[in-house]
Amino acid sequence: MIDSIPKPALAAIASIGGLWATSQAYNLAAAFYMYFLRRSSLGRYSKNSSGKAAWALITGATDGIGRGFAEEFCQRGFNVVLHGRNQEKLENERQKLLKRWPQREVALLKIDAASESSDPAAFERAAAQLKEVDLKVLVNNVGGSGGMASFQPLHERAPGDIARFINTNATFATELTKALLPQLQKNTPALILNIGSAVSDFGLPYLSVYSGTKAYVKGWSSSLNAEMKADGHDIEIMCLLVAAVGTDYSPRPETLFEPNARNLAKSALNIVGCNRSVVFPYWPHALQASFFQALPRAIAEAAVIDRGKQERLLDVERMKKR
């Protein structure tokens, strides 16, 4: 059968196969270097112009991934600004951090991401409040369901739920970044980390609005990163794609593919400076994504639908306990 194929066609097929194999080998080597050999460049953001510890603002910092980032930044020598909507929880988290890292400074920023995202005055106050700190890092982490059911059919969403989802997961980060960009531009080099999600690539059922907001975060991050380069600002912007992580809202036994929040944050800071505007910071999540992308479309879609159904059942049980 092969003998019947013209030699030029065989040569073309062999060339295409060779190019594909070379490309895959390069991608594998690049990923291995990025995750296991390369050193993080986070250190270039850790000091202000006077050589003192710089500040990192983490939104949604009172639990989950945000708390993990706050702890990891303190561990790596940064002062931190904790953002949240509950003053008591913010104070509690500040005391916990200062007890573990007494040499650090911890400031608080209280804004409700769901209800104040459309209030320009809230962001003006935030910028004014942070004017005196040497802010060099912004982590746009706040997101999720904000107390609403995460996995729910679109037509069953209560009035106002969609706006709250969009405000919490997209509008707030955009408005806060806009308000703080002048300060970050003044304090360059600076870093913005936007927490994305694997669901922006793999649309789980019952998460349509959330998936849409995370797709926005991914596109917005890439565009804003290019904008900073075009305007000559030394501000690195990364969208960190995250899959399953154990948090207070969604407690999970820690496994290779479902890390705790602190380990996720550690992986994220280790990958800073990798020259990718969109990336999975935790290598097992990247491995999972690559596996799903390699599957035939029908099989991948069936697996995603099955996972969505399972998560919806778990979400129903979580909401009953709230």
C-alpha atoms as a PDB file:
ATOM      1  CA  MET A   1       0.000   0.000   0.000  1.00  0.00           C
ATOM      2  CA  ILE A   2       2.838   2.354   0.857  1.00  0.00           C
ATOM      3  CA  ASP A   3       4.442   1.514  -2.506  1.00  0.00           C
ATOM      4  CA  SER A   4       1.435   3.065  -4.234  1.00  0.00           C
ATOM      5  CA  ILE A   5       2.040   6.458  -2.585  1.00  0.00           C
ATOM      6  CA  PRO A   6       4.177   8.788  -4.718  1.00  0.00           C
ATOM      7  CA  LYS A   7       7.631   9.452  -3.321  1.00  0.00           C
ATOM      8  CA  PRO A   8       7.089  13.243  -3.103  1.00  0.00           C
ATOM      9  CA  ALA A   9       3.995  12.613  -0.969  1.00  0.00           C
ATOM     10  CA  LEU A  10       5.917  10.233   1.304  1.00  0.00           C
ATOM     11  CA  ALA A  11       8.679  12.801   1.657  1.00  0.00           C
ATOM     12  CA  ALA A  12       6.124  15.472   2.562  1.00  0.00           C
ATOM     13  CA  ILE A  13       4.482  13.203   5.154  1.00  0.00           C
ATOM     14  CA  ALA A  14       7.869  12.335   6.642  1.00  0.00           C
ATOM     15  CA  SER A  15       8.789  16.026   6.811  1.00  0.00           C
ATOM     16  CA  ILE A  16       5.527  16.913   8.528  1.00  0.00           C
ATOM     17  CA  GLY A  17       5.991  14.052  10.977  1.00  0.00           C
ATOM     18  CA  GLY A  18       9.536  15.141  11.693  1.00  0.00           C
ATOM     19  CA  LEU A  19       8.460  18.737  12.285  1.00  0.00           C
ATOM     20  CA  TRP A  20       5.658  17.581  14.611  1.00  0.00           C
ATOM     21  CA  ALA A  21       8.027  15.340  16.593  1.00  0.00           C
ATOM     22  CA  THR A  22      10.596  18.132  16.840  1.00  0.00           C
ATOM     23  CA  SER A  23       7.930  20.557  18.016  1.00  0.00           C
ATOM     24  CA  GLN A  24       6.678  18.146  20.671  1.00  0.00           C
ATOM     25  CA  ALA A  25      10.211  17.438  21.889  1.00  0.00           C
ATOM     26  CA  TYR A  26      10.917  21.165  22.120  1.00  0.00           C
ATOM     27  CA  ASN A  27       7.692  21.830  24.038  1.00  0.00           C
ATOM     28  CA  LEU A  28       8.470  19.008  26.454  1.00  0.00           C
ATOM     29  CA  ALA A  29      12.016  20.262  27.046  1.00  0.00           C
ATOM     30  CA  ALA A  30      10.784  23.843  27.502  1.00  0.00           C
ATOM     31  CA  ALA A  31       8.169  22.727  30.033  1.00  0.00           C
ATOM     32  CA  PHE A  32      10.715  20.660  31.964  1.00  0.00           C
ATOM     33  CA  TYR A  33      13.075  23.626  32.120  1.00  0.00           C
ATOM     34  CA  MET A  34      10.314  26.032  33.172  1.00  0.00           C
ATOM     35  CA  TYR A  35       8.910  23.866  35.956  1.00  0.00           C
ATOM     36  CA  PHE A  36      12.008  22.151  37.321  1.00  0.00           C
ATOM     37  CA  LEU A  37      15.234  23.964  36.351  1.00  0.00           C
ATOM     38  CA  ARG A  38      14.520  27.650  35.909  1.00  0.00           C
ATOM     39  CA  ARG A  39      14.870  30.031  38.873  1.00  0.00           C
ATOM     40  CA  SER A  40      12.054  32.432  39.688  1.00  0.00           C
ATOM     41  CA  SER A  41      12.606  36.128  39.026  1.00  0.00           C
ATOM     42  CA  LEU A  42      10.313  37.161  41.889  1.00  0.00           C
ATOM     43  CA  GLY A  43      13.321  38.672  43.648  1.00  0.00           C
ATOM     44  CA  ARG A  44      13.433  41.615  41.249  1.00  0.00           C
ATOM     45  CA  TYR A  45      10.150  42.816  42.770  1.00  0.00           C
ATOM     46  CA  SER A  46      10.980  42.231  46.435  1.00  0.00           C
ATOM     47  CA  LYS A  47      12.720  45.527  47.255  1.00  0.00           C
ATOM     48  CA  ASN A  48      11.819  49.169  46.775  1.00  0.00           C
ATOM     49  CA  SER A  49      14.209  51.828  45.505  1.00  0.00           C
ATOM     50  CA  SER A  50      15.602  52.243  49.041  1.00  0.00           C
ATOM     51  CA  GLY A  51      16.352  48.539  49.399  1.00  0.00           C
ATOM     52  CA  LYS A  52      13.517  47.941  51.866  1.00  0.00           C
ATOM     53  CA  ALA A  53      10.859  45.257  51.588  1.00  0.00           C
ATOM     54  CA  ALA A  54       8.304  45.973  48.875  1.00  0.00           C
ATOM     55  CA  TRP A  55       4.557  45.453  49.249  1.00  0.00           C
ATOM     56  CA  ALA A  56       2.262  42.907  47.623  1.00  0.00           C
ATOM     57  CA  LEU A  57      -1.521  43.334  47.565  1.00  0.00           C
ATOM     58  CA  ILE A  58      -3.513  40.105  47.530  1.00  0.00           C
ATOM     59  CA  THR A  59      -7.251  40.311  46.908  1.00  0.00           C
ATOM     60  CA  GLY A  60      -9.503  37.748  48.554  1.00  0.00           C
ATOM     61  CA  ALA A  61      -6.762  37.101  51.091  1.00  0.00           C
ATOM     62  CA  THR A  62      -8.714  35.876  54.119  1.00  0.00           C
ATOM     63  CA  ASP A  63      -8.931  32.241  53.023  1.00  0.00           C
ATOM     64  CA  GLY A  64      -8.106  29.763  50.296  1.00  0.00           C
ATOM     65  CA  ILE A  65      -5.636  30.611  47.562  1.00  0.00           C
ATOM     66  CA  GLY A  66      -5.429  34.240  48.669  1.00  0.00           C
ATOM     67  CA  ARG A  67      -4.324  33.236  52.150  1.00  0.00           C
ATOM     68  CA  GLY A  68      -1.770  30.890  50.595  1.00  0.00           C
ATOM     69  CA  PHE A  69      -0.325  33.775  48.584  1.00  0.00           C
ATOM     70  CA  ALA A  70      -0.210  36.060  51.630  1.00  0.00           C
ATOM     71  CA  GLU A  71       1.710  33.451  53.618  1.00  0.00           C
ATOM     72  CA  GLU A  72       4.113  32.761  50.771  1.00  0.00           C
ATOM     73  CA  PHE A  73       4.842  36.452  50.168  1.00  0.00           C
ATOM     74  CA  CYS A  74       5.572  36.947  53.870  1.00  0.00           C
ATOM     75  CA  GLN A  75       7.850  33.921  53.781  1.00  0.00           C
ATOM     76  CA  ARG A  76       9.741  35.450  50.843  1.00  0.00           C
ATOM     77  CA  GLY A  77      10.327  38.819  52.482  1.00  0.00           C
ATOM     78  CA  PHE A  78       7.452  40.975  51.245  1.00  0.00           C
ATOM     79  CA  ASN A  79       5.140  43.183  53.255  1.00  0.00           C
ATOM     80  CA  VAL A  80       1.518  42.456  52.356  1.00  0.00           C
ATOM     81  CA  VAL A  81      -1.801  44.221  51.966  1.00  0.00           C
ATOM     82  CA  LEU A  82      -4.708  41.878  52.648  1.00  0.00           C
ATOM     83  CA  HIS A  83      -7.955  42.587  50.829  1.00  0.00           C
ATOM     84  CA  GLY A  84     -11.346  41.263  51.864  1.00  0.00           C
ATOM     85  CA  ARG A  85     -14.913  42.283  52.627  1.00  0.00           C
ATOM     86  CA  ASN A  86     -15.060  41.293  56.301  1.00  0.00           C
ATOM     87  CA  GLN A  87     -13.095  43.507  58.685  1.00  0.00           C
ATOM     88  CA  GLU A  88     -13.029  40.929  61.478  1.00  0.00           C
ATOM     89  CA  LYS A  89     -11.625  38.221  59.219  1.00  0.00           C
ATOM     90  CA  LEU A  90      -9.038  40.651  57.866  1.00  0.00           C
ATOM     91  CA  GLU A  91      -7.890  41.531  61.381  1.00  0.00           C
ATOM     92  CA  ASN A  92      -7.671  37.853  62.316  1.00  0.00           C
ATOM     93  CA  GLU A  93      -5.553  37.064  59.269  1.00  0.00           C
ATOM     94  CA  ARG A  94      -3.275  40.007  59.971  1.00  0.00           C
ATOM     95  CA  GLN A  95      -2.628  38.795  63.513  1.00  0.00           C
ATOM     96  CA  LYS A  96      -1.904  35.269  62.296  1.00  0.00           C
ATOM     97  CA  LEU A  97       0.648  36.540  59.776  1.00  0.00           C
ATOM     98  CA  LEU A  98       2.347  38.882  62.241  1.00  0.00           C
ATOM     99  CA  LYS A  99       2.606  36.083  64.778  1.00  0.00           C
ATOM    100  CA  ARG A 100       4.446  33.896  62.256  1.00  0.00           C
ATOM    101  CA  TRP A 101       6.427  36.698  60.583  1.00  0.00           C
ATOM    102  CA  PRO A 102       6.814  39.494  63.168  1.00  0.00           C
ATOM    103  CA  GLN A 103       9.369  41.296  60.999  1.00  0.00           C
ATOM    104  CA  ARG A 104       6.782  41.876  58.251  1.00  0.00           C
ATOM    105  CA  GLU A 105       4.231  44.683  57.911  1.00  0.00           C
ATOM    106  CA  VAL A 106       0.593  43.854  57.145  1.00  0.00           C
ATOM    107  CA  ALA A 107      -1.992  46.396  55.978  1.00  0.00           C
ATOM    108  CA  LEU A 108      -5.701  45.878  55.279  1.00  0.00           C
ATOM    109  CA  LEU A 109      -7.995  46.920  52.430  1.00  0.00           C
ATOM    110  CA  LYS A 110     -11.743  46.393  52.817  1.00  0.00           C
ATOM    111  CA  ILE A 111     -13.888  46.457  49.662  1.00  0.00           C
ATOM    112  CA  ASP A 112     -16.800  44.188  48.717  1.00  0.00           C
ATOM    113  CA  ALA A 113     -15.922  42.886  45.252  1.00  0.00           C
ATOM    114  CA  ALA A 114     -19.514  41.876  44.507  1.00  0.00           C
ATOM    115  CA  SER A 115     -21.336  45.045  45.565  1.00  0.00           C
ATOM    116  CA  GLU A 116     -18.763  47.847  45.138  1.00  0.00           C
ATOM    117  CA  SER A 117     -17.301  47.015  41.722  1.00  0.00           C
ATOM    118  CA  SER A 118     -19.532  49.602  40.051  1.00  0.00           C
ATOM    119  CA  ASP A 119     -18.585  52.351  42.523  1.00  0.00           C
ATOM    120  CA  PRO A 120     -15.637  54.415  41.201  1.00  0.00           C
ATOM    121  CA  ALA A 121     -15.258  56.078  44.603  1.00  0.00           C
ATOM    122  CA  ALA A 122     -14.377  52.719  46.184  1.00  0.00           C
ATOM    123  CA  PHE A 123     -11.355  52.345  43.915  1.00  0.00           C
ATOM    124  CA  GLU A 124     -10.342  55.966  44.343  1.00  0.00           C
ATOM    125  CA  ARG A 125     -10.309  55.376  48.106  1.00  0.00           C
ATOM    126  CA  ALA A 126      -8.265  52.198  47.633  1.00  0.00           C
ATOM    127  CA  ALA A 127      -5.664  53.996  45.522  1.00  0.00           C
ATOM    128  CA  ALA A 128      -5.458  56.822  48.059  1.00  0.00           C
ATOM    129  CA  GLN A 129      -5.137  54.370  50.953  1.00  0.00           C
ATOM    130  CA  LEU A 130      -2.247  52.565  49.252  1.00  0.00           C
ATOM    131  CA  LYS A 131      -0.490  55.686  48.009  1.00  0.00           C
ATOM    132  CA  GLU A 132       2.119  55.650  50.772  1.00  0.00           C
ATOM    133  CA  VAL A 133       3.158  51.988  50.445  1.00  0.00           C
ATOM    134  CA  ASP A 134       5.757  50.836  47.908  1.00  0.00           C
ATOM    135  CA  LEU A 135       3.360  48.580  46.041  1.00  0.00           C
ATOM    136  CA  LYS A 136       5.168  46.444  43.454  1.00  0.00           C
ATOM    137  CA  VAL A 137       2.955  43.348  43.254  1.00  0.00           C
ATOM    138  CA  LEU A 138      -0.803  42.959  42.737  1.00  0.00           C
ATOM    139  CA  VAL A 139      -2.444  39.535  42.948  1.00  0.00           C
ATOM    140  CA  ASN A 140      -5.989  39.610  41.568  1.00  0.00           C
ATOM    141  CA  ASN A 141      -7.207  36.495  43.312  1.00  0.00           C
ATOM    142  CA  VAL A 142     -10.680  37.325  44.606  1.00  0.00           C
ATOM    143  CA  GLY A 143     -13.334  35.321  42.804  1.00  0.00           C
ATOM    144  CA  GLY A 144     -15.548  32.302  43.065  1.00  0.00           C
ATOM    145  CA  SER A 145     -19.224  32.211  43.887  1.00  0.00           C
ATOM    146  CA  GLY A 146     -19.310  34.643  46.804  1.00  0.00           C
ATOM    147  CA  GLY A 147     -21.583  32.403  48.847  1.00  0.00           C
ATOM    148  CA  MET A 148     -23.846  31.474  45.924  1.00  0.00           C
ATOM    149  CA  ALA A 149     -24.058  27.983  44.483  1.00  0.00           C
ATOM    150  CA  SER A 150     -21.111  27.455  42.146  1.00  0.00           C
ATOM    151  CA  PHE A 151     -22.547  24.707  39.937  1.00  0.00           C
ATOM    152  CA  GLN A 152     -26.073  25.580  38.809  1.00  0.00           C
ATOM    153  CA  PRO A 153     -27.976  25.645  35.506  1.00  0.00           C
ATOM    154  CA  LEU A 154     -28.021  29.139  34.036  1.00  0.00           C
ATOM    155  CA  HIS A 155     -31.821  29.404  33.960  1.00  0.00           C
ATOM    156  CA  GLU A 156     -32.022  28.589  37.682  1.00  0.00           C
ATOM    157  CA  ARG A 157     -29.788  31.468  38.756  1.00  0.00           C
ATOM    158  CA  ALA A 158     -31.503  33.900  41.110  1.00  0.00           C
ATOM    159  CA  PRO A 159     -31.998  37.540  40.036  1.00  0.00           C
ATOM    160  CA  GLY A 160     -28.753  39.411  40.509  1.00  0.00           C
ATOM    161  CA  ASP A 161     -26.554  36.300  40.620  1.00  0.00           C
ATOM    162  CA  ILE A 162     -25.090  36.851  37.164  1.00  0.00           C
ATOM    163  CA  ALA A 163     -24.092  40.434  37.911  1.00  0.00           C
ATOM    164  CA  ARG A 164     -22.521  39.347  41.207  1.00  0.00           C
ATOM    165  CA  PHE A 165     -20.513  36.621  39.456  1.00  0.00           C
ATOM    166  CA  ILE A 166     -19.240  39.037  36.813  1.00  0.00           C
ATOM    167  CA  ASN A 167     -18.450  41.750  39.364  1.00  0.00           C
ATOM    168  CA  THR A 168     -16.580  39.381  41.664  1.00  0.00           C
ATOM    169  CA  ASN A 169     -14.631  37.506  39.010  1.00  0.00           C
ATOM    170  CA  ALA A 170     -13.974  40.111  36.309  1.00  0.00           C
ATOM    171  CA  THR A 171     -15.082  43.687  36.967  1.00  0.00           C
ATOM    172  CA  PHE A 172     -13.400  44.066  40.362  1.00  0.00           C
ATOM    173  CA  ALA A 173      -9.961  42.967  39.142  1.00  0.00           C
ATOM    174  CA  THR A 174     -10.216  45.227  36.107  1.00  0.00           C
ATOM    175  CA  GLU A 175     -11.245  48.321  38.071  1.00  0.00           C
ATOM    176  CA  LEU A 176      -8.712  47.742  40.858  1.00  0.00           C
ATOM    177  CA  THR A 177      -5.887  47.250  38.361  1.00  0.00           C
ATOM    178  CA  LYS A 178      -6.903  50.423  36.530  1.00  0.00           C
ATOM    179  CA  ALA A 179      -6.864  52.371  39.801  1.00  0.00           C
ATOM    180  CA  LEU A 180      -3.456  51.043  40.879  1.00  0.00           C
ATOM    181  CA  LEU A 181      -1.623  51.060  37.541  1.00  0.00           C
ATOM    182  CA  PRO A 182      -0.248  54.607  37.973  1.00  0.00           C
ATOM    183  CA  GLN A 183       1.357  53.576  41.262  1.00  0.00           C
ATOM    184  CA  LEU A 184       2.704  50.324  39.831  1.00  0.00           C
ATOM    185  CA  GLN A 185       4.118  52.203  36.836  1.00  0.00           C
ATOM    186  CA  LYS A 186       5.883  54.570  39.217  1.00  0.00           C
ATOM    187  CA  ASN A 187       7.305  51.651  41.224  1.00  0.00           C
ATOM    188  CA  THR A 188       8.608  49.540  38.334  1.00  0.00           C
ATOM    189  CA  PRO A 189       9.617  46.840  37.953  1.00  0.00           C
ATOM    190  CA  ALA A 190       6.196  45.579  39.018  1.00  0.00           C
ATOM    191  CA  LEU A 191       4.179  42.392  38.778  1.00  0.00           C
ATOM    192  CA  ILE A 192       0.474  41.606  38.341  1.00  0.00           C
ATOM    193  CA  LEU A 193      -0.749  38.043  38.830  1.00  0.00           C
ATOM    194  CA  ASN A 194      -4.324  37.342  37.728  1.00  0.00           C
ATOM    195  CA  ILE A 195      -5.804  34.071  38.934  1.00  0.00           C
ATOM    196  CA  GLY A 196      -7.506  32.297  36.066  1.00  0.00           C
ATOM    197  CA  SER A 197      -8.998  28.846  35.815  1.00  0.00           C
ATOM    198  CA  ALA A 198      -8.774  25.726  33.701  1.00  0.00           C
ATOM    199  CA  VAL A 199     -12.522  26.073  33.075  1.00  0.00           C
ATOM    200  CA  SER A 200     -11.724  28.898  30.651  1.00  0.00           C
ATOM    201  CA  ASP A 201     -10.364  26.162  28.352  1.00  0.00           C
ATOM    202  CA  PHE A 202     -12.550  23.247  29.440  1.00  0.00           C
ATOM    203  CA  GLY A 203     -16.115  24.507  29.930  1.00  0.00           C
ATOM    204  CA  LEU A 204     -17.610  22.468  32.734  1.00  0.00           C
ATOM    205  CA  PRO A 205     -21.426  22.360  32.696  1.00  0.00           C
ATOM    206  CA  TYR A 206     -23.293  24.467  35.281  1.00  0.00           C
ATOM    207  CA  LEU A 207     -20.394  26.954  35.368  1.00  0.00           C
ATOM    208  CA  SER A 208     -21.237  28.993  32.286  1.00  0.00           C
ATOM    209  CA  VAL A 209     -20.988  32.488  33.806  1.00  0.00           C
ATOM    210  CA  TYR A 210     -17.909  31.689  35.894  1.00  0.00           C
ATOM    211  CA  SER A 211     -16.205  30.065  32.890  1.00  0.00           C
ATOM    212  CA  GLY A 212     -16.964  33.155  30.844  1.00  0.00           C
ATOM    213  CA  THR A 213     -15.429  35.481  33.418  1.00  0.00           C
ATOM    214  CA  LYS A 214     -12.271  33.377  33.572  1.00  0.00           C
ATOM    215  CA  ALA A 215     -11.996  33.408  29.782  1.00  0.00           C
ATOM    216  CA  TYR A 216     -12.200  37.194  30.057  1.00  0.00           C
ATOM    217  CA  VAL A 217      -9.419  37.245  32.660  1.00  0.00           C
ATOM    218  CA  LYS A 218      -7.190  35.220  30.352  1.00  0.00           C
ATOM    219  CA  GLY A 219      -7.727  37.456  27.330  1.00  0.00           C
ATOM    220  CA  TRP A 220      -7.524  40.635  29.412  1.00  0.00           C
ATOM    221  CA  SER A 221      -4.225  39.535  30.964  1.00  0.00           C
ATOM    222  CA  SER A 222      -2.619  38.808  27.599  1.00  0.00           C
ATOM    223  CA  SER A 223      -3.784  42.104  26.134  1.00  0.00           C
ATOM    224  CA  LEU A 224      -2.729  44.171  29.150  1.00  0.00           C
ATOM    225  CA  ASN A 225       0.678  42.473  29.231  1.00  0.00           C
ATOM    226  CA  ALA A 226       1.193  43.436  25.576  1.00  0.00           C
ATOM    227  CA  GLU A 227      -0.032  46.954  26.359  1.00  0.00           C
ATOM    228  CA  MET A 228       2.570  47.408  29.090  1.00  0.00           C
ATOM    229  CA  LYS A 229       5.315  46.298  26.694  1.00  0.00           C
ATOM    230  CA  ALA A 230       4.017  48.553  23.928  1.00  0.00           C
ATOM    231  CA  ASP A 231       4.082  51.561  26.261  1.00  0.00           C
ATOM    232  CA  GLY A 232       7.505  50.715  27.687  1.00  0.00           C
ATOM    233  CA  HIS A 233       6.367  49.896  31.239  1.00  0.00           C
ATOM    234  CA  ASP A 234       8.368  47.218  33.071  1.00  0.00           C
ATOM    235  CA  ILE A 235       5.268  45.487  34.450  1.00  0.00           C
ATOM    236  CA  GLU A 236       4.999  41.723  34.082  1.00  0.00           C
ATOM    237  CA  ILE A 237       1.417  40.458  33.850  1.00  0.00           C
ATOM    238  CA  MET A 238       0.560  36.781  34.094  1.00  0.00           C
ATOM    239  CA  CYS A 239      -2.703  34.855  34.083  1.00  0.00           C
ATOM    240  CA  LEU A 240      -2.253  31.783  36.276  1.00  0.00           C
ATOM    241  CA  LEU A 241      -4.553  28.946  35.239  1.00  0.00           C
ATOM    242  CA  VAL A 242      -5.665  26.846  38.184  1.00  0.00           C
ATOM    243  CA  ALA A 243      -7.499  23.521  38.340  1.00  0.00           C
ATOM    244  CA  ALA A 244      -8.700  21.751  41.513  1.00  0.00           C
ATOM    245  CA  VAL A 245      -7.246  23.162  44.752  1.00  0.00           C
ATOM    246  CA  GLY A 246      -8.200  22.463  48.348  1.00  0.00           C
ATOM    247  CA  THR A 247      -9.746  25.570  49.956  1.00  0.00           C
ATOM    248  CA  ASP A 248     -11.974  26.385  52.917  1.00  0.00           C
ATOM    249  CA  TYR A 249     -15.034  26.455  50.644  1.00  0.00           C
ATOM    250  CA  SER A 250     -14.045  23.311  48.771  1.00  0.00           C
ATOM    251  CA  PRO A 251     -11.981  21.150  51.145  1.00  0.00           C
ATOM    252  CA  ARG A 252     -10.226  18.287  49.386  1.00  0.00           C
ATOM    253  CA  PRO A 253      -7.694  15.695  50.523  1.00  0.00           C
ATOM    254  CA  GLU A 254      -4.338  16.864  49.214  1.00  0.00           C
ATOM    255  CA  THR A 255      -3.125  14.805  46.254  1.00  0.00           C
ATOM    256  CA  LEU A 256      -0.652  15.316  43.435  1.00  0.00           C
ATOM    257  CA  PHE A 257      -3.373  16.787  41.223  1.00  0.00           C
ATOM    258  CA  GLU A 258      -5.254  18.645  43.983  1.00  0.00           C
ATOM    259  CA  PRO A 259      -2.706  20.646  46.019  1.00  0.00           C
ATOM    260  CA  ASN A 260      -3.449  22.797  49.024  1.00  0.00           C
ATOM    261  CA  ALA A 261      -3.587  26.567  48.567  1.00  0.00           C
ATOM    262  CA  ARG A 262      -0.120  27.231  49.985  1.00  0.00           C
ATOM    263  CA  ASN A 263       1.573  24.797  47.608  1.00  0.00           C
ATOM    264  CA  LEU A 264      -0.331  26.300  44.683  1.00  0.00           C
ATOM    265  CA  ALA A 265       0.873  29.773  45.684  1.00  0.00           C
ATOM    266  CA  LYS A 266       4.430  28.509  46.054  1.00  0.00           C
ATOM    267  CA  SER A 267       4.342  27.054  42.535  1.00  0.00           C
ATOM    268  CA  ALA A 268       2.898  30.311  41.196  1.00  0.00           C
ATOM    269  CA  LEU A 269       5.667  32.460  42.651  1.00  0.00           C
ATOM    270  CA  ASN A 270       8.298  29.994  41.474  1.00  0.00           C
ATOM    271  CA  ILE A 271       7.159  30.429  37.878  1.00  0.00           C
ATOM    272  CA  VAL A 272       7.304  34.246  37.843  1.00  0.00           C
ATOM    273  CA  GLY A 273       9.459  35.492  34.974  1.00  0.00           C
ATOM    274  CA  CYS A 274       8.857  32.497  32.696  1.00  0.00           C
ATOM    275  CA  ASN A 275       7.957  34.848  29.813  1.00  0.00           C
ATOM    276  CA  ARG A 276       4.446  33.447  29.397  1.00  0.00           C
ATOM    277  CA  SER A 277       1.417  35.664  29.918  1.00  0.00           C
ATOM    278  CA  VAL A 278      -0.905  32.662  30.376  1.00  0.00           C
ATOM    279  CA  VAL A 279       0.366  29.555  32.143  1.00  0.00           C
ATOM    280  CA  PHE A 280      -0.514  26.737  34.505  1.00  0.00           C
ATOM    281  CA  PRO A 281       1.762  27.458  37.492  1.00  0.00           C
ATOM    282  CA  TYR A 282       1.367  23.979  38.993  1.00  0.00           C
ATOM    283  CA  TRP A 283       2.911  21.365  36.721  1.00  0.00           C
ATOM    284  CA  PRO A 284       0.465  18.497  37.480  1.00  0.00           C
ATOM    285  CA  HIS A 285      -2.374  20.806  36.389  1.00  0.00           C
ATOM    286  CA  ALA A 286      -0.465  21.512  33.165  1.00  0.00           C
ATOM    287  CA  LEU A 287      -0.068  17.769  32.675  1.00  0.00           C
ATOM    288  CA  GLN A 288      -3.805  17.234  33.147  1.00  0.00           C
ATOM    289  CA  ALA A 289      -4.596  19.972  30.634  1.00  0.00           C
ATOM    290  CA  SER A 290      -2.194  18.524  28.061  1.00  0.00           C
ATOM    291  CA  PHE A 291      -3.772  15.101  28.486  1.00  0.00           C
ATOM    292  CA  PHE A 292      -7.291  16.430  27.919  1.00  0.00           C
ATOM    293  CA  GLN A 293      -6.184  18.461  24.903  1.00  0.00           C
ATOM    294  CA  ALA A 294      -4.705  15.311  23.362  1.00  0.00           C
ATOM    295  CA  LEU A 295      -7.935  13.322  23.735  1.00  0.00           C
ATOM    296  CA  PRO A 296     -10.435  13.026  20.890  1.00  0.00           C
ATOM    297  CA  ARG A 297     -12.974  15.815  21.266  1.00  0.00           C
ATOM    298  CA  ALA A 298     -15.934  13.532  22.002  1.00  0.00           C
ATOM    299  CA  ILE A 299     -14.070  11.682  24.769  1.00  0.00           C
ATOM    300  CA  ALA A 300     -12.797  14.887  26.356  1.00  0.00           C
ATOM    301  CA  GLU A 301     -16.263  16.439  26.274  1.00  0.00           C
ATOM    302  CA  ALA A 302     -17.823  13.362  27.887  1.00  0.00           C
ATOM    303  CA  ALA A 303     -15.221  13.437  30.673  1.00  0.00           C
ATOM    304  CA  VAL A 304     -15.798  17.150  31.294  1.00  0.00           C
ATOM    305  CA  ILE A 305     -19.574  16.684  31.424  1.00  0.00           C
ATOM    306  CA  ASP A 306     -19.212  13.803  33.872  1.00  0.00           C
ATOM    307  CA  ARG A 307     -16.916  15.893  36.089  1.00  0.00           C
ATOM    308  CA  GLY A 308     -19.383  18.769  36.018  1.00  0.00           C
ATOM    309  CA  LYS A 309     -22.218  16.507  37.140  1.00  0.00           C
ATOM    310  CA  GLN A 310     -20.124  15.175  40.018  1.00  0.00           C
ATOM    311  CA  GLU A 311     -19.123  18.668  41.116  1.00  0.00           C
ATOM    312  CA  ARG A 312     -22.732  19.826  41.019  1.00  0.00           C
ATOM    313  CA  LEU A 313     -23.766  17.063  43.418  1.00  0.00           C
ATOM    314  CA  LEU A 314     -20.923  18.010  45.774  1.00  0.00           C
ATOM    315  CA  ASP A 315     -21.881  21.671  45.506  1.00  0.00           C
ATOM    316  CA  VAL A 316     -25.480  20.915  46.460  1.00  0.00           C
ATOM    317  CA  GLU A 317     -24.231  19.161  49.597  1.00  0.00           C
ATOM    318  CA  ARG A 318     -21.928  22.083  50.437  1.00  0.00           C
ATOM    319  CA  MET A 319     -24.778  24.566  50.124  1.00  0.00           C
ATOM    320  CA  LYS A 320     -26.957  22.488  52.474  1.00  0.00           C
ATOM    321  CA  LYS A 321     -24.280  22.763  55.161  1.00  0.00           C
ATOM    322  CA  ARG A 322     -23.881  26.538  54.900  1.00  0.00           C
END
